[in-house]
Amino acid sequence: MASKMIFLNLPVHDLDASKAFYEALGWAINPDFTDENAACVVVDDNICLMLLTKEFYKTFTARPIADTTAYSAAAYALALPDREAVDALTDAAVKAGGTEETSQEDRRTQEAEVGMYGRTFLDLDGHQWEPFHMPYPQ
């Protein structure tokens, strides 16, 4: 069976600024799928982000584009190998201009009860990322 990949298409206000933000997280830009309208950000072998200018994104849908700086449209949870990786990614996002969202104490308490550790940050366009670590039973 062939491997599956996930491509998240994210509308962005400033393509160059968004590329720099995601590169600051340690993710690479694939130049083969990048131009003035879009950039392919490689998260890992199976996950890529397609950052699309809002004008280009409009060619994919007839519906209005959500204002993710004002409304939550989706939350992208990303499982990481340990708590240190969660902290490193979130800290890098904040350092690169993202915003950490810390108003979710009830959820954090629930997660801690089952051994999860997570943080939440918003990118430059308000797209919500939730890196987390959850130890799996041996």
Protein backbone atom coordinates (compact mmCIF):
# COMPACT_ATOMS: atom_id res chain seq x y z
CA MET A 1 0.00 0.00 0.00
CA ALA A 2 1.35 3.41 -0.94
CA SER A 3 2.18 5.89 1.76
CA LYS A 4 -0.32 8.68 2.37
CA MET A 5 0.51 12.36 2.66
CA ILE A 6 -1.36 15.29 4.15
CA PHE A 7 -1.29 18.70 2.50
CA LEU A 8 -2.87 21.53 4.47
CA ASN A 9 -3.80 24.49 2.28
CA LEU A 10 -3.56 27.67 4.36
CA PRO A 11 -4.49 31.13 3.06
CA VAL A 12 -1.93 33.74 4.11
CA HIS A 13 -1.79 37.52 4.03
CA ASP A 14 1.95 37.86 3.34
CA LEU A 15 3.52 34.87 1.61
CA ASP A 16 7.15 35.88 2.26
CA ALA A 17 6.52 36.58 5.96
CA SER A 18 4.70 33.26 6.34
CA LYS A 19 7.53 31.37 4.63
CA ALA A 20 10.03 32.98 7.02
CA PHE A 21 7.82 32.11 10.01
CA TYR A 22 7.63 28.43 9.13
CA GLU A 23 11.32 28.24 8.26
CA ALA A 24 12.03 29.63 11.75
CA LEU A 25 10.23 26.55 13.11
CA GLY A 26 12.81 24.38 11.36
CA TRP A 27 10.55 23.38 8.48
CA ALA A 28 11.86 23.61 4.91
CA ILE A 29 10.46 25.28 1.80
CA ASN A 30 10.30 22.98 -1.24
CA PRO A 31 11.26 25.28 -4.14
CA ASP A 32 9.82 22.86 -6.72
CA PHE A 33 6.29 23.74 -5.53
CA THR A 34 6.83 27.38 -4.64
CA ASP A 35 6.17 30.52 -6.67
CA GLU A 36 4.69 34.00 -6.16
CA ASN A 37 1.25 32.50 -5.33
CA ALA A 38 2.13 29.55 -3.13
CA ALA A 39 4.85 27.93 -1.07
CA CYS A 40 5.21 24.29 -0.08
CA VAL A 41 6.42 23.91 3.51
CA VAL A 42 7.73 20.44 4.33
CA VAL A 43 6.91 19.50 7.93
CA ASP A 44 8.10 15.89 7.47
CA ASP A 45 8.00 13.14 4.84
CA ASN A 46 4.20 12.87 5.04
CA ILE A 47 3.01 16.37 5.97
CA CYS A 48 3.25 19.54 3.90
CA LEU A 49 1.67 22.94 4.19
CA MET A 50 0.67 24.80 1.08
CA LEU A 51 0.77 28.47 1.95
CA LEU A 52 -1.44 30.22 -0.58
CA THR A 53 -1.88 33.95 -1.10
CA LYS A 54 -5.48 34.85 -0.35
CA GLU A 55 -6.10 35.79 -3.98
CA PHE A 56 -4.82 32.39 -5.15
CA TYR A 57 -6.71 30.57 -2.37
CA LYS A 58 -9.95 32.14 -3.68
CA THR A 59 -9.53 30.12 -6.89
CA PHE A 60 -10.12 26.94 -4.84
CA THR A 61 -13.42 27.94 -3.24
CA ALA A 62 -16.50 30.07 -3.81
CA ARG A 63 -16.97 30.57 -0.05
CA PRO A 64 -15.50 33.51 1.86
CA ILE A 65 -12.10 32.98 3.47
CA ALA A 66 -12.31 32.82 7.27
CA ASP A 67 -10.63 35.60 9.20
CA THR A 68 -8.53 33.33 11.40
CA THR A 69 -7.17 36.32 13.32
CA ALA A 70 -10.70 36.80 14.72
CA TYR A 71 -12.25 33.31 14.51
CA SER A 72 -10.98 29.80 15.04
CA ALA A 73 -11.42 27.85 11.80
CA ALA A 74 -9.42 24.71 12.68
CA ALA A 75 -6.82 23.46 15.14
CA TYR A 76 -3.86 21.54 13.76
CA ALA A 77 -2.63 19.08 16.39
CA LEU A 78 0.88 17.76 15.84
CA ALA A 79 2.16 14.79 17.86
CA LEU A 80 5.79 15.22 18.89
CA PRO A 81 8.23 12.76 20.50
CA ASP A 82 8.60 14.51 23.88
CA ARG A 83 7.76 17.56 26.00
CA GLU A 84 11.01 19.25 25.00
CA ALA A 85 10.01 19.13 21.33
CA VAL A 86 6.64 20.70 22.19
CA ASP A 87 8.38 23.51 24.06
CA ALA A 88 11.01 24.01 21.37
CA LEU A 89 8.44 24.29 18.57
CA THR A 90 6.15 26.63 20.52
CA ASP A 91 9.04 28.80 21.69
CA ALA A 92 10.35 29.04 18.11
CA ALA A 93 6.88 30.06 16.89
CA VAL A 94 6.61 32.82 19.48
CA LYS A 95 10.13 34.03 18.73
CA ALA A 96 9.25 34.16 15.01
CA GLY A 97 6.23 36.39 15.64
CA GLY A 98 3.50 33.90 16.49
CA THR A 99 1.31 34.17 19.58
CA GLU A 100 0.99 31.58 22.31
CA GLU A 101 -2.57 30.96 23.41
CA THR A 102 -2.63 30.22 27.12
CA SER A 103 -6.30 30.64 28.08
CA GLN A 104 -7.16 26.94 28.06
CA GLU A 105 -6.49 25.82 31.63
CA ASP A 106 -9.47 23.41 31.76
CA ARG A 107 -8.25 21.56 28.67
CA ARG A 108 -4.66 21.45 29.95
CA THR A 109 -5.84 19.96 33.25
CA GLN A 110 -7.83 17.27 31.39
CA GLU A 111 -4.85 16.46 29.17
CA ALA A 112 -2.48 16.23 32.15
CA GLU A 113 -4.79 13.71 33.80
CA VAL A 114 -4.19 11.27 30.91
CA GLY A 115 -0.47 12.06 30.63
CA MET A 116 -0.61 14.50 27.72
CA TYR A 117 1.42 17.67 27.48
CA GLY A 118 0.61 20.35 24.95
CA ARG A 119 0.79 24.01 24.10
CA THR A 120 -1.01 26.15 21.54
CA PHE A 121 0.28 28.84 19.22
CA LEU A 122 -1.14 30.94 16.41
CA ASP A 123 0.87 31.68 13.27
CA LEU A 124 1.03 35.12 11.64
CA ASP A 125 -2.44 34.61 10.11
CA GLY A 126 -4.07 33.15 13.22
CA HIS A 127 -3.91 29.51 12.14
CA GLN A 128 -3.99 27.49 15.37
CA TRP A 129 -1.31 24.87 16.01
CA GLU A 130 -1.38 22.47 18.96
CA PRO A 131 1.89 20.58 19.35
CA PHE A 132 1.52 17.86 21.97
CA HIS A 133 3.21 14.85 23.48
CA MET A 134 1.38 11.81 24.72
CA PRO A 135 3.40 8.84 25.94
CA TYR A 136 2.14 5.63 24.43
CA PRO A 137 1.84 2.53 26.60
CA GLN A 138 4.68 0.06 26.07
